[in-house]
Amino acid sequence: MGEEDSNLNKVESQTEFVDSVSEQEPQVEEKESEKPEAVTQEEPHKEVPSPIVQNVADDDAKKVTGGSVDRDAALARVVTEKRLALIKAWEESERTKAENRAYKKQSAVGLWEESRKASIEAELKKIEENLERKKAEYAEKMKNKIAEIHQAAEEKRATVEANKKEEFLEVEETAAKFRSRGVAPKKLFACFSA
């Protein structure tokens, strides 16, 4: 709004200036002989004024000659400039609004992304903890099974050792019987008997 007020003040001051200039200066028509002539090739010695000086001279000539026509043209130009300034201000405002909307949406997307990442990471951590717990449980079960297997193996070894000792005792008893009778065992030396 501040820009529009300053633009309106500029427009009003320009219209007042144009009005005061047109009222102060008398209307004088220029003759064609007084107008600045273009440089021709036949007269190279004539000095041509710079384009800036020509524009100022043309503007002064227009102010003097035009009167109400120039004032109308100036007013039309001021109105056009005002309209263009308003359009430019509106365009800037809309661009700013669009940028703000885009920034808000990008922020929302960023927040959504961060929250989704955090929830996924929390879920992954929970799964990892469950896997670690299950791994520890399975490791404990496997250790228990290994201990059970080791215990069963020890029992079997003990049984085998006990059977061996029993067989040794039987063999010693049988050998003692054979010695006391003086008879050789027939089963053992069957291959030597004819």
C-alpha atoms as a PDB file:
ATOM      1  CA  MET A   1       0.000   0.000   0.000  1.00  0.00           C
ATOM      2  CA  GLY A   2       2.897   2.355   0.744  1.00  0.00           C
ATOM      3  CA  GLU A   3       4.225   1.923  -2.791  1.00  0.00           C
ATOM      4  CA  GLU A   4       0.809   2.662  -4.282  1.00  0.00           C
ATOM      5  CA  ASP A   5       0.508   5.876  -2.202  1.00  0.00           C
ATOM      6  CA  SER A   6       3.939   7.023  -3.316  1.00  0.00           C
ATOM      7  CA  ASN A   7       3.036   6.173  -6.928  1.00  0.00           C
ATOM      8  CA  LEU A   8      -0.201   8.178  -6.602  1.00  0.00           C
ATOM      9  CA  ASN A   9       1.704  11.137  -5.136  1.00  0.00           C
ATOM     10  CA  LYS A  10       4.169  10.985  -8.050  1.00  0.00           C
ATOM     11  CA  VAL A  11       1.301  10.870 -10.551  1.00  0.00           C
ATOM     12  CA  GLU A  12      -0.445  13.839  -8.926  1.00  0.00           C
ATOM     13  CA  SER A  13       2.755  15.873  -8.797  1.00  0.00           C
ATOM     14  CA  GLN A  14       3.480  15.092 -12.453  1.00  0.00           C
ATOM     15  CA  THR A  15      -0.020  16.135 -13.534  1.00  0.00           C
ATOM     16  CA  GLU A  16       0.291  19.376 -11.514  1.00  0.00           C
ATOM     17  CA  PHE A  17       3.660  20.061 -13.122  1.00  0.00           C
ATOM     18  CA  VAL A  18       2.265  19.450 -16.611  1.00  0.00           C
ATOM     19  CA  ASP A  19      -0.701  21.719 -15.857  1.00  0.00           C
ATOM     20  CA  SER A  20       1.512  24.512 -14.508  1.00  0.00           C
ATOM     21  CA  VAL A  21       3.897  24.279 -17.465  1.00  0.00           C
ATOM     22  CA  SER A  22       1.070  24.393 -19.994  1.00  0.00           C
ATOM     23  CA  GLU A  23      -0.521  27.435 -18.254  1.00  0.00           C
ATOM     24  CA  GLN A  24       2.716  29.404 -17.896  1.00  0.00           C
ATOM     25  CA  GLU A  25       4.131  29.065 -21.389  1.00  0.00           C
ATOM     26  CA  PRO A  26       2.313  30.708 -24.293  1.00  0.00           C
ATOM     27  CA  GLN A  27       1.386  28.607 -27.233  1.00  0.00           C
ATOM     28  CA  VAL A  28       3.768  29.238 -30.090  1.00  0.00           C
ATOM     29  CA  GLU A  29       3.761  27.397 -33.362  1.00  0.00           C
ATOM     30  CA  GLU A  30       7.080  26.579 -34.881  1.00  0.00           C
ATOM     31  CA  LYS A  31       7.780  27.163 -38.487  1.00  0.00           C
ATOM     32  CA  GLU A  32       9.420  24.499 -40.511  1.00  0.00           C
ATOM     33  CA  SER A  33      12.430  26.703 -41.051  1.00  0.00           C
ATOM     34  CA  GLU A  34      13.067  26.887 -37.275  1.00  0.00           C
ATOM     35  CA  LYS A  35      12.990  23.128 -36.731  1.00  0.00           C
ATOM     36  CA  PRO A  36      16.387  21.421 -36.455  1.00  0.00           C
ATOM     37  CA  GLU A  37      17.334  19.884 -39.722  1.00  0.00           C
ATOM     38  CA  ALA A  38      18.959  16.530 -40.235  1.00  0.00           C
ATOM     39  CA  VAL A  39      22.502  16.464 -41.521  1.00  0.00           C
ATOM     40  CA  THR A  40      22.741  15.794 -45.186  1.00  0.00           C
ATOM     41  CA  GLN A  41      25.708  14.650 -47.119  1.00  0.00           C
ATOM     42  CA  GLU A  42      25.891  17.893 -49.079  1.00  0.00           C
ATOM     43  CA  GLU A  43      26.540  19.935 -45.920  1.00  0.00           C
ATOM     44  CA  PRO A  44      29.177  18.098 -43.893  1.00  0.00           C
ATOM     45  CA  HIS A  45      30.395  21.298 -42.211  1.00  0.00           C
ATOM     46  CA  LYS A  46      27.151  21.738 -40.191  1.00  0.00           C
ATOM     47  CA  GLU A  47      27.334  20.592 -36.571  1.00  0.00           C
ATOM     48  CA  VAL A  48      24.607  18.146 -35.437  1.00  0.00           C
ATOM     49  CA  PRO A  49      23.414  18.371 -31.822  1.00  0.00           C
ATOM     50  CA  SER A  50      23.626  15.234 -29.720  1.00  0.00           C
ATOM     51  CA  PRO A  51      20.488  13.050 -29.397  1.00  0.00           C
ATOM     52  CA  ILE A  52      20.014  14.101 -25.759  1.00  0.00           C
ATOM     53  CA  VAL A  53      20.014  17.781 -26.671  1.00  0.00           C
ATOM     54  CA  GLN A  54      17.564  17.063 -29.494  1.00  0.00           C
ATOM     55  CA  ASN A  55      15.216  15.182 -27.143  1.00  0.00           C
ATOM     56  CA  VAL A  56      15.237  18.079 -24.648  1.00  0.00           C
ATOM     57  CA  ALA A  57      14.655  20.562 -27.442  1.00  0.00           C
ATOM     58  CA  ASP A  58      11.829  18.405 -28.843  1.00  0.00           C
ATOM     59  CA  ASP A  59      10.230  18.116 -25.389  1.00  0.00           C
ATOM     60  CA  ASP A  60      10.397  21.919 -24.952  1.00  0.00           C
ATOM     61  CA  ALA A  61       8.904  22.400 -28.398  1.00  0.00           C
ATOM     62  CA  LYS A  62       6.096  19.962 -27.637  1.00  0.00           C
ATOM     63  CA  LYS A  63       5.319  21.704 -24.355  1.00  0.00           C
ATOM     64  CA  VAL A  64       5.120  25.046 -26.081  1.00  0.00           C
ATOM     65  CA  THR A  65       3.057  23.956 -29.069  1.00  0.00           C
ATOM     66  CA  GLY A  66       0.746  21.253 -27.750  1.00  0.00           C
ATOM     67  CA  GLY A  67      -1.189  22.869 -24.965  1.00  0.00           C
ATOM     68  CA  SER A  68      -4.223  20.780 -24.078  1.00  0.00           C
ATOM     69  CA  VAL A  69      -3.208  18.015 -26.495  1.00  0.00           C
ATOM     70  CA  ASP A  70       0.132  17.637 -24.758  1.00  0.00           C
ATOM     71  CA  ARG A  71      -1.548  17.795 -21.386  1.00  0.00           C
ATOM     72  CA  ASP A  72      -3.947  15.043 -22.468  1.00  0.00           C
ATOM     73  CA  ALA A  73      -1.048  12.982 -23.770  1.00  0.00           C
ATOM     74  CA  ALA A  74       0.869  13.548 -20.539  1.00  0.00           C
ATOM     75  CA  LEU A  75      -2.168  12.572 -18.492  1.00  0.00           C
ATOM     76  CA  ALA A  76      -2.629   9.472 -20.635  1.00  0.00           C
ATOM     77  CA  ARG A  77       1.038   8.655 -20.152  1.00  0.00           C
ATOM     78  CA  VAL A  78       0.702   9.166 -16.389  1.00  0.00           C
ATOM     79  CA  VAL A  79      -2.397   6.969 -16.268  1.00  0.00           C
ATOM     80  CA  THR A  80      -0.588   4.309 -18.287  1.00  0.00           C
ATOM     81  CA  GLU A  81       2.441   4.503 -16.005  1.00  0.00           C
ATOM     82  CA  LYS A  82       0.170   4.274 -12.966  1.00  0.00           C
ATOM     83  CA  ARG A  83      -1.582   1.235 -14.417  1.00  0.00           C
ATOM     84  CA  LEU A  84       1.756  -0.398 -15.259  1.00  0.00           C
ATOM     85  CA  ALA A  85       3.057   0.356 -11.759  1.00  0.00           C
ATOM     86  CA  LEU A  86      -0.052  -1.197 -10.215  1.00  0.00           C
ATOM     87  CA  ILE A  87       0.308  -4.246 -12.457  1.00  0.00           C
ATOM     88  CA  LYS A  88       3.974  -4.555 -11.507  1.00  0.00           C
ATOM     89  CA  ALA A  89       3.128  -4.241  -7.798  1.00  0.00           C
ATOM     90  CA  TRP A  90       0.380  -6.849  -8.162  1.00  0.00           C
ATOM     91  CA  GLU A  91       2.770  -9.153 -10.006  1.00  0.00           C
ATOM     92  CA  GLU A  92       5.407  -8.795  -7.282  1.00  0.00           C
ATOM     93  CA  SER A  93       2.777  -9.422  -4.618  1.00  0.00           C
ATOM     94  CA  GLU A  94       1.558 -12.570  -6.367  1.00  0.00           C
ATOM     95  CA  ARG A  95       5.119 -13.798  -6.846  1.00  0.00           C
ATOM     96  CA  THR A  96       5.818 -13.251  -3.160  1.00  0.00           C
ATOM     97  CA  LYS A  97       2.628 -15.109  -2.239  1.00  0.00           C
ATOM     98  CA  ALA A  98       3.572 -17.976  -4.564  1.00  0.00           C
ATOM     99  CA  GLU A  99       7.062 -18.119  -3.051  1.00  0.00           C
ATOM    100  CA  ASN A 100       5.602 -18.148   0.463  1.00  0.00           C
ATOM    101  CA  ARG A 101       3.158 -20.930  -0.445  1.00  0.00           C
ATOM    102  CA  ALA A 102       5.962 -22.949  -2.032  1.00  0.00           C
ATOM    103  CA  TYR A 103       8.166 -22.382   1.022  1.00  0.00           C
ATOM    104  CA  LYS A 104       5.379 -23.535   3.359  1.00  0.00           C
ATOM    105  CA  LYS A 105       4.759 -26.616   1.248  1.00  0.00           C
ATOM    106  CA  GLN A 106       8.468 -27.410   1.104  1.00  0.00           C
ATOM    107  CA  SER A 107       8.683 -26.996   4.865  1.00  0.00           C
ATOM    108  CA  ALA A 108       5.696 -29.306   5.305  1.00  0.00           C
ATOM    109  CA  VAL A 109       7.299 -31.869   2.995  1.00  0.00           C
ATOM    110  CA  GLY A 110      10.553 -31.589   4.938  1.00  0.00           C
ATOM    111  CA  LEU A 111       8.759 -32.092   8.252  1.00  0.00           C
ATOM    112  CA  TRP A 112       6.807 -35.028   6.825  1.00  0.00           C
ATOM    113  CA  GLU A 113      10.034 -36.569   5.532  1.00  0.00           C
ATOM    114  CA  GLU A 114      11.780 -36.126   8.870  1.00  0.00           C
ATOM    115  CA  SER A 115       8.868 -37.625  10.823  1.00  0.00           C
ATOM    116  CA  ARG A 116       8.629 -40.595   8.451  1.00  0.00           C
ATOM    117  CA  LYS A 117      12.397 -41.153   8.671  1.00  0.00           C
ATOM    118  CA  ALA A 118      12.246 -40.976  12.462  1.00  0.00           C
ATOM    119  CA  SER A 119       9.365 -43.473  12.631  1.00  0.00           C
ATOM    120  CA  ILE A 120      11.121 -45.846  10.216  1.00  0.00           C
ATOM    121  CA  GLU A 121      14.383 -45.561  12.164  1.00  0.00           C
ATOM    122  CA  ALA A 122      12.507 -46.227  15.415  1.00  0.00           C
ATOM    123  CA  GLU A 123      10.862 -49.253  13.826  1.00  0.00           C
ATOM    124  CA  LEU A 124      14.227 -50.472  12.528  1.00  0.00           C
ATOM    125  CA  LYS A 125      15.764 -50.022  15.979  1.00  0.00           C
ATOM    126  CA  LYS A 126      12.872 -51.959  17.522  1.00  0.00           C
ATOM    127  CA  ILE A 127      13.331 -54.766  14.986  1.00  0.00           C
ATOM    128  CA  GLU A 128      17.082 -54.799  15.656  1.00  0.00           C
ATOM    129  CA  GLU A 129      16.428 -55.012  19.398  1.00  0.00           C
ATOM    130  CA  ASN A 130      13.973 -57.871  18.824  1.00  0.00           C
ATOM    131  CA  LEU A 131      16.510 -59.626  16.618  1.00  0.00           C
ATOM    132  CA  GLU A 132      19.238 -59.120  19.216  1.00  0.00           C
ATOM    133  CA  ARG A 133      16.931 -60.488  21.916  1.00  0.00           C
ATOM    134  CA  LYS A 134      15.946 -63.470  19.748  1.00  0.00           C
ATOM    135  CA  LYS A 135      19.590 -64.029  18.851  1.00  0.00           C
ATOM    136  CA  ALA A 136      20.491 -64.057  22.550  1.00  0.00           C
ATOM    137  CA  GLU A 137      17.601 -66.457  23.248  1.00  0.00           C
ATOM    138  CA  TYR A 138      18.634 -68.783  20.412  1.00  0.00           C
ATOM    139  CA  ALA A 139      22.269 -68.600  21.524  1.00  0.00           C
ATOM    140  CA  GLU A 140      21.188 -69.557  25.036  1.00  0.00           C
ATOM    141  CA  LYS A 141      19.084 -72.424  23.648  1.00  0.00           C
ATOM    142  CA  MET A 142      22.004 -73.624  21.552  1.00  0.00           C
ATOM    143  CA  LYS A 143      24.341 -73.450  24.544  1.00  0.00           C
ATOM    144  CA  ASN A 144      21.815 -75.444  26.558  1.00  0.00           C
ATOM    145  CA  LYS A 145      21.552 -78.021  23.754  1.00  0.00           C
ATOM    146  CA  ILE A 146      25.339 -78.238  23.563  1.00  0.00           C
ATOM    147  CA  ALA A 147      25.448 -78.741  27.326  1.00  0.00           C
ATOM    148  CA  GLU A 148      22.757 -81.442  27.063  1.00  0.00           C
ATOM    149  CA  ILE A 149      24.654 -83.161  24.254  1.00  0.00           C
ATOM    150  CA  HIS A 150      27.880 -82.980  26.245  1.00  0.00           C
ATOM    151  CA  GLN A 151      26.117 -84.448  29.291  1.00  0.00           C
ATOM    152  CA  ALA A 152      24.575 -87.240  27.193  1.00  0.00           C
ATOM    153  CA  ALA A 153      27.989 -87.957  25.686  1.00  0.00           C
ATOM    154  CA  GLU A 154      29.531 -88.135  29.154  1.00  0.00           C
ATOM    155  CA  GLU A 155      26.806 -90.553  30.236  1.00  0.00           C
ATOM    156  CA  LYS A 156      27.399 -92.721  27.160  1.00  0.00           C
ATOM    157  CA  ARG A 157      31.153 -92.652  27.766  1.00  0.00           C
ATOM    158  CA  ALA A 158      30.562 -93.671  31.351  1.00  0.00           C
ATOM    159  CA  THR A 159      28.297 -96.513  30.190  1.00  0.00           C
ATOM    160  CA  VAL A 160      30.866 -97.660  27.640  1.00  0.00           C
ATOM    161  CA  GLU A 161      33.601 -97.547  30.297  1.00  0.00           C
ATOM    162  CA  ALA A 162      31.413 -99.491  32.726  1.00  0.00           C
ATOM    163  CA  ASN A 163      30.665-102.135  30.050  1.00  0.00           C
ATOM    164  CA  LYS A 164      34.375-102.396  29.277  1.00  0.00           C
ATOM    165  CA  LYS A 165      35.184-102.945  32.954  1.00  0.00           C
ATOM    166  CA  GLU A 166      32.438-105.594  33.214  1.00  0.00           C
ATOM    167  CA  GLU A 167      33.789-107.405  30.133  1.00  0.00           C
ATOM    168  CA  PHE A 168      37.320-107.258  31.601  1.00  0.00           C
ATOM    169  CA  LEU A 169      36.001-108.797  34.825  1.00  0.00           C
ATOM    170  CA  GLU A 170      34.209-111.558  32.896  1.00  0.00           C
ATOM    171  CA  VAL A 171      37.332-112.228  30.858  1.00  0.00           C
ATOM    172  CA  GLU A 172      39.446-112.404  34.005  1.00  0.00           C
ATOM    173  CA  GLU A 173      36.952-114.772  35.685  1.00  0.00           C
ATOM    174  CA  THR A 174      36.818-117.034  32.640  1.00  0.00           C
ATOM    175  CA  ALA A 175      40.610-116.985  32.392  1.00  0.00           C
ATOM    176  CA  ALA A 176      40.811-117.906  36.074  1.00  0.00           C
ATOM    177  CA  LYS A 177      38.420-120.856  35.493  1.00  0.00           C
ATOM    178  CA  PHE A 178      40.508-122.038  32.580  1.00  0.00           C
ATOM    179  CA  ARG A 179      43.637-121.801  34.668  1.00  0.00           C
ATOM    180  CA  SER A 180      42.115-123.653  37.574  1.00  0.00           C
ATOM    181  CA  ARG A 181      40.890-126.519  35.330  1.00  0.00           C
ATOM    182  CA  GLY A 182      43.959-126.461  33.140  1.00  0.00           C
ATOM    183  CA  VAL A 183      41.887-126.461  29.996  1.00  0.00           C
ATOM    184  CA  ALA A 184      42.461-124.076  27.076  1.00  0.00           C
ATOM    185  CA  PRO A 185      39.497-122.169  25.754  1.00  0.00           C
ATOM    186  CA  LYS A 186      38.252-123.656  22.484  1.00  0.00           C
ATOM    187  CA  LYS A 187      36.533-120.610  21.072  1.00  0.00           C
ATOM    188  CA  LEU A 188      39.650-118.493  21.114  1.00  0.00           C
ATOM    189  CA  PHE A 189      41.998-120.891  19.392  1.00  0.00           C
ATOM    190  CA  ALA A 190      39.539-122.477  17.009  1.00  0.00           C
ATOM    191  CA  CYS A 191      41.715-121.531  14.113  1.00  0.00           C
ATOM    192  CA  PHE A 192      44.640-123.583  15.533  1.00  0.00           C
ATOM    193  CA  SER A 193      42.652-126.706  16.150  1.00  0.00           C
ATOM    194  CA  ALA A 194      42.451-129.117  13.312  1.00  0.00           C
END
